[in-house]
Amino acid sequence: MTDTPLLRARGVRKSFGQVEVLKGIDLTVRQGQVVALIGASGSGKTTFLRCVNLLEEHDGGEILLDGEPVGYRGEGAARRRLSEARVSAQRARIGMVFQQFNLFPHLTAEENVMLGLTKVLGKDRAEARETAGHWLNRVGLAERRGHYPYQLSGGQQQRVAIARAVAMQPRLLLFDEVTSALDPELVAEVLGVMQSLAESGMTMLLVSHEMLFVRDVANHVVFMDQGKVAQAGPPREVFGRPESERLKNFLGRMHGIFGHFEE
């Protein structure tokens, strides 16, 4: 981990109709850091991730990746959306793994990973196949490279989705509740892959309700409440010294976590 800010959000706002979902989010992710967003459903966590990856257009504030504004430049009346070519280039530097696996059912695991390498990065098929094989091996699926999604378990499909995202060599990798659609016995295999990526130095911003995983893997935890950052800091501080009743109540619902860091 370095002190270099890879991602910086300043006053990010987002509304859906009359409902303000993000109310001025400030957040920094440093290179090599794992930052976890926690909070109740509806607190704005996923919306913020989607704004970072330009799947949603933020209404105000600024998101910077490597110091470059993401999606827009300027504020107020001077605010302008960047060209589609520039937006596409920015998207290519940010990988995202979703709750649902979003694999193409007519492509094998290997072909799913290869697709972005050939279509977006312009690699030839031989190089793309080699890269896909490397990452499928890293996620423990070398022997499943020729399998179609319907031949894979949910955990295996999610690991293919992770391999697909990482193979694109993103500067930042986003995870949105990637274990929420899995049966409990499959969660550990996906979290193990994510922990391995974190240990290798991958910069990650993740939304998760897996509090034990967040406690053990994240460098920085952000508790979001009603569209705002309510508390942020190292896991020991956030879990062990909650500053609000909202956070205490949230952690109290997570069996065996609240109080773990209390001295």
Protein backbone atom coordinates (compact mmCIF):
# COMPACT_ATOMS: atom_id res chain seq x y z
CA MET A 1 0.00 0.00 0.00
CA THR A 2 1.22 3.50 -0.85
CA ASP A 3 0.12 7.01 0.16
CA THR A 4 -0.81 7.79 -3.45
CA PRO A 5 -4.57 8.43 -3.82
CA LEU A 6 -5.84 6.19 -6.60
CA LEU A 7 -9.50 7.11 -6.16
CA ARG A 8 -10.81 10.26 -4.53
CA ALA A 9 -14.45 11.27 -4.15
CA ARG A 10 -15.35 14.82 -3.16
CA GLY A 11 -18.90 15.78 -2.27
CA VAL A 12 -20.50 13.16 -4.56
CA ARG A 13 -24.26 13.52 -4.81
CA LYS A 14 -26.86 11.41 -6.57
CA SER A 15 -30.66 11.56 -6.67
CA PHE A 16 -33.30 9.35 -8.20
CA GLY A 17 -36.23 11.67 -8.80
CA GLN A 18 -36.98 13.42 -5.52
CA VAL A 19 -34.99 10.90 -3.46
CA GLU A 20 -31.43 11.97 -2.65
CA VAL A 21 -29.43 8.75 -2.32
CA LEU A 22 -25.91 10.16 -1.99
CA LYS A 23 -25.61 13.35 0.07
CA GLY A 24 -22.02 14.47 -0.42
CA ILE A 25 -19.71 11.46 -0.19
CA ASP A 26 -16.02 12.09 0.55
CA LEU A 27 -13.79 9.03 0.27
CA THR A 28 -10.20 8.19 -0.64
CA VAL A 29 -8.78 4.85 -1.77
CA ARG A 30 -5.00 4.62 -1.88
CA GLN A 31 -3.06 2.38 -4.21
CA GLY A 32 -2.88 -1.15 -2.82
CA GLN A 33 -5.57 -0.45 -0.22
CA VAL A 34 -8.71 -2.49 0.50
CA VAL A 35 -11.60 -0.22 1.48
CA ALA A 36 -14.90 -1.73 2.61
CA LEU A 37 -18.25 0.04 2.56
CA ILE A 38 -20.65 -1.23 5.20
CA GLY A 39 -24.13 -0.19 6.25
CA ALA A 40 -27.77 -1.12 6.04
CA SER A 41 -29.50 -1.76 2.74
CA GLY A 42 -30.50 1.52 1.13
CA SER A 43 -27.62 3.53 2.61
CA GLY A 44 -26.15 4.28 -0.83
CA LYS A 45 -23.25 1.83 -0.97
CA THR A 46 -24.06 0.19 -4.30
CA THR A 47 -25.12 3.49 -5.86
CA PHE A 48 -21.74 4.95 -4.98
CA LEU A 49 -19.92 1.99 -6.57
CA ARG A 50 -22.01 2.39 -9.72
CA CYS A 51 -21.12 6.08 -9.88
CA VAL A 52 -17.42 5.23 -9.61
CA ASN A 53 -17.77 2.80 -12.52
CA LEU A 54 -19.95 5.22 -14.53
CA LEU A 55 -22.91 2.86 -14.51
CA GLU A 56 -24.78 5.71 -12.84
CA GLU A 57 -24.22 9.40 -13.50
CA HIS A 58 -23.52 11.34 -10.31
CA ASP A 59 -25.33 14.65 -10.11
CA GLY A 60 -22.67 16.67 -8.34
CA GLY A 61 -19.27 16.55 -6.71
CA GLU A 62 -16.22 14.97 -8.24
CA ILE A 63 -14.74 11.49 -8.61
CA LEU A 64 -11.04 11.35 -9.50
CA LEU A 65 -9.14 8.29 -10.71
CA ASP A 66 -5.37 8.80 -10.76
CA GLY A 67 -6.13 12.51 -10.44
CA GLU A 68 -8.36 12.57 -13.53
CA PRO A 69 -12.06 13.46 -13.21
CA VAL A 70 -14.27 10.45 -13.92
CA GLY A 71 -17.20 10.98 -16.27
CA TYR A 72 -17.45 14.75 -15.91
CA ARG A 73 -15.34 17.86 -15.75
CA GLY A 74 -16.29 21.06 -13.96
CA GLU A 75 -19.09 21.97 -11.56
CA GLY A 76 -22.45 23.71 -11.76
CA ALA A 77 -23.25 25.35 -15.07
CA ALA A 78 -19.75 24.57 -16.33
CA ARG A 79 -20.13 20.82 -15.73
CA ARG A 80 -19.66 18.79 -18.92
CA ARG A 81 -19.69 15.05 -19.57
CA LEU A 82 -16.48 13.71 -21.06
CA SER A 83 -16.47 12.21 -24.54
CA GLU A 84 -17.66 8.63 -24.90
CA ALA A 85 -14.15 7.62 -25.97
CA ARG A 86 -12.72 9.09 -22.75
CA VAL A 87 -15.47 7.50 -20.63
CA SER A 88 -14.84 4.10 -22.24
CA ALA A 89 -11.13 4.41 -21.53
CA GLN A 90 -11.89 5.21 -17.88
CA ARG A 91 -14.25 2.26 -17.57
CA ALA A 92 -11.51 -0.04 -18.85
CA ARG A 93 -9.36 0.98 -15.86
CA ILE A 94 -12.05 0.03 -13.34
CA GLY A 95 -13.15 -3.58 -12.96
CA MET A 96 -16.40 -4.55 -11.26
CA VAL A 97 -17.79 -7.83 -9.97
CA PHE A 98 -21.53 -7.87 -9.33
CA GLN A 99 -23.95 -9.78 -7.10
CA GLN A 100 -25.08 -11.73 -10.14
CA PHE A 101 -22.36 -13.39 -12.19
CA ASN A 102 -23.36 -11.91 -15.58
CA LEU A 103 -21.53 -14.60 -17.54
CA PHE A 104 -22.47 -15.22 -21.16
CA PRO A 105 -24.23 -18.61 -21.10
CA HIS A 106 -23.12 -19.58 -24.61
CA LEU A 107 -19.41 -19.07 -23.81
CA THR A 108 -17.12 -21.31 -21.79
CA ALA A 109 -15.36 -20.04 -18.68
CA GLU A 110 -12.25 -19.41 -20.75
CA GLU A 111 -14.18 -17.61 -23.49
CA ASN A 112 -15.95 -15.41 -20.94
CA VAL A 113 -12.59 -14.25 -19.62
CA MET A 114 -11.14 -13.85 -23.12
CA LEU A 115 -13.95 -11.69 -24.45
CA GLY A 116 -12.92 -8.38 -22.92
CA LEU A 117 -9.26 -9.06 -23.64
CA THR A 118 -9.94 -9.37 -27.38
CA LYS A 119 -12.82 -6.91 -27.80
CA VAL A 120 -11.69 -4.13 -25.47
CA LEU A 121 -7.92 -4.49 -25.10
CA GLY A 122 -7.37 -5.76 -28.64
CA LYS A 123 -5.26 -8.79 -27.71
CA ASP A 124 -4.99 -11.63 -30.19
CA ARG A 125 -6.73 -14.87 -29.29
CA ALA A 126 -3.55 -16.73 -28.39
CA GLU A 127 -2.47 -14.07 -25.90
CA ALA A 128 -5.99 -13.73 -24.56
CA ARG A 129 -6.25 -17.50 -24.06
CA GLU A 130 -2.95 -17.55 -22.18
CA THR A 131 -4.07 -14.68 -19.92
CA ALA A 132 -7.45 -16.31 -19.31
CA GLY A 133 -5.76 -19.58 -18.41
CA HIS A 134 -3.47 -17.81 -15.95
CA TRP A 135 -6.33 -16.14 -14.08
CA LEU A 136 -8.61 -19.16 -14.12
CA ASN A 137 -5.74 -21.05 -12.54
CA ARG A 138 -5.34 -18.29 -9.94
CA VAL A 139 -8.99 -18.65 -8.92
CA GLY A 140 -8.73 -22.45 -8.82
CA LEU A 141 -10.63 -23.22 -12.02
CA ALA A 142 -7.93 -24.36 -14.45
CA GLU A 143 -9.71 -27.67 -14.92
CA ARG A 144 -13.04 -25.92 -15.60
CA ARG A 145 -11.86 -23.61 -18.37
CA GLY A 146 -13.88 -25.50 -21.00
CA HIS A 147 -17.08 -25.63 -18.93
CA TYR A 148 -20.15 -23.52 -19.66
CA PRO A 149 -21.79 -21.51 -16.86
CA TYR A 150 -24.62 -24.04 -16.42
CA GLN A 151 -21.97 -26.68 -15.68
CA LEU A 152 -20.50 -24.62 -12.83
CA SER A 153 -21.69 -24.00 -9.28
CA GLY A 154 -22.59 -20.49 -8.19
CA GLY A 155 -19.26 -20.12 -6.41
CA GLN A 156 -17.39 -21.27 -9.50
CA GLN A 157 -19.31 -18.86 -11.71
CA GLN A 158 -18.48 -15.99 -9.38
CA ARG A 159 -14.81 -16.97 -9.46
CA VAL A 160 -14.94 -16.88 -13.27
CA ALA A 161 -16.45 -13.39 -13.01
CA ILE A 162 -13.59 -12.33 -10.74
CA ALA A 163 -11.02 -13.81 -13.14
CA ARG A 164 -12.70 -11.93 -16.01
CA ALA A 165 -12.47 -8.63 -14.13
CA VAL A 166 -8.88 -9.05 -12.95
CA ALA A 167 -7.65 -10.27 -16.35
CA MET A 168 -8.36 -6.78 -17.72
CA GLN A 169 -5.64 -5.43 -15.39
CA PRO A 170 -7.81 -2.70 -13.85
CA ARG A 171 -6.32 0.00 -11.68
CA LEU A 172 -9.23 -0.44 -9.26
CA LEU A 173 -11.46 -3.44 -8.63
CA LEU A 174 -15.00 -2.98 -7.28
CA PHE A 175 -16.98 -5.74 -5.57
CA ASP A 176 -20.71 -5.33 -4.96
CA GLU A 177 -21.98 -7.92 -2.45
CA VAL A 178 -20.45 -10.69 -4.54
CA THR A 179 -21.40 -13.45 -2.09
CA SER A 180 -25.01 -12.42 -1.49
CA ALA A 181 -26.43 -14.69 -4.23
CA LEU A 182 -24.43 -17.74 -3.11
CA ASP A 183 -25.38 -20.63 -0.87
CA PRO A 184 -23.55 -20.33 2.47
CA GLU A 185 -21.22 -23.26 1.78
CA LEU A 186 -19.94 -21.52 -1.39
CA VAL A 187 -19.19 -18.15 0.21
CA ALA A 188 -15.80 -19.15 1.63
CA GLU A 189 -14.31 -20.11 -1.74
CA VAL A 190 -15.13 -16.70 -3.22
CA LEU A 191 -13.90 -14.79 -0.17
CA GLY A 192 -10.68 -16.82 -0.33
CA VAL A 193 -10.05 -15.60 -3.87
CA MET A 194 -10.73 -12.01 -2.83
CA GLN A 195 -8.36 -12.31 0.13
CA SER A 196 -5.65 -13.67 -2.16
CA LEU A 197 -6.10 -10.69 -4.50
CA ALA A 198 -5.90 -8.30 -1.56
CA GLU A 199 -2.68 -9.93 -0.35
CA SER A 200 -1.20 -9.57 -3.83
CA GLY A 201 -1.66 -5.79 -3.67
CA MET A 202 -4.83 -5.34 -5.73
CA THR A 203 -6.59 -2.06 -4.96
CA MET A 204 -10.17 -2.90 -3.98
CA LEU A 205 -13.32 -1.03 -3.03
CA LEU A 206 -15.97 -3.44 -1.84
CA VAL A 207 -19.49 -3.53 -0.46
CA SER A 208 -20.01 -6.47 1.87
CA HIS A 209 -22.07 -7.73 4.78
CA GLU A 210 -19.39 -10.36 5.51
CA MET A 211 -18.13 -8.59 8.60
CA LEU A 212 -15.51 -11.18 9.55
CA PHE A 213 -14.01 -10.86 6.09
CA VAL A 214 -14.10 -7.05 6.27
CA ARG A 215 -12.48 -7.12 9.71
CA ASP A 216 -9.64 -9.38 8.56
CA VAL A 217 -8.94 -8.06 5.05
CA ALA A 218 -9.87 -4.37 4.83
CA ASN A 219 -7.38 -1.62 5.62
CA HIS A 220 -10.13 0.98 5.93
CA VAL A 221 -13.85 0.68 6.71
CA VAL A 222 -16.51 3.23 5.78
CA PHE A 223 -19.91 3.07 7.51
CA MET A 224 -22.55 4.67 5.31
CA ASP A 225 -25.89 5.74 6.73
CA GLN A 226 -28.71 7.44 4.78
CA GLY A 227 -26.45 8.53 1.94
CA LYS A 228 -23.64 9.92 4.08
CA VAL A 229 -20.32 8.71 5.48
CA ALA A 230 -21.18 8.37 9.16
CA GLN A 231 -17.84 6.98 10.35
CA ALA A 232 -14.63 5.84 8.71
CA GLY A 233 -11.33 4.45 9.89
CA PRO A 234 -9.34 1.25 10.47
CA PRO A 235 -11.42 -1.85 11.27
CA ARG A 236 -10.31 -1.83 14.92
CA GLU A 237 -11.59 1.73 15.32
CA VAL A 238 -14.88 1.35 13.45
CA PHE A 239 -15.82 -2.01 14.95
CA GLY A 240 -14.41 -1.36 18.40
CA ARG A 241 -15.40 2.27 18.98
CA PRO A 242 -18.63 3.04 17.10
CA GLU A 243 -19.51 6.70 17.43
CA SER A 244 -23.25 6.48 16.83
CA GLU A 245 -26.20 4.41 17.96
CA ARG A 246 -26.87 3.61 14.29
CA LEU A 247 -23.49 1.94 13.92
CA LYS A 248 -23.81 0.18 17.29
CA ASN A 249 -27.18 -1.21 16.24
CA PHE A 250 -25.86 -2.26 12.84
CA LEU A 251 -22.90 -4.08 14.34
CA GLY A 252 -25.12 -5.57 17.03
CA ARG A 253 -26.99 -7.43 14.30
CA MET A 254 -23.74 -8.98 13.07
CA HIS A 255 -23.32 -11.99 15.33
CA GLY A 256 -19.99 -12.13 17.11
CA ILE A 257 -18.54 -8.96 15.60
CA PHE A 258 -19.61 -6.03 17.73
CA GLY A 259 -17.30 -5.72 20.66
CA HIS A 260 -14.61 -7.96 19.15
CA PHE A 261 -12.09 -5.11 19.16
CA GLU A 262 -13.09 -3.61 22.45
CA GLU A 263 -10.18 -3.43 24.83
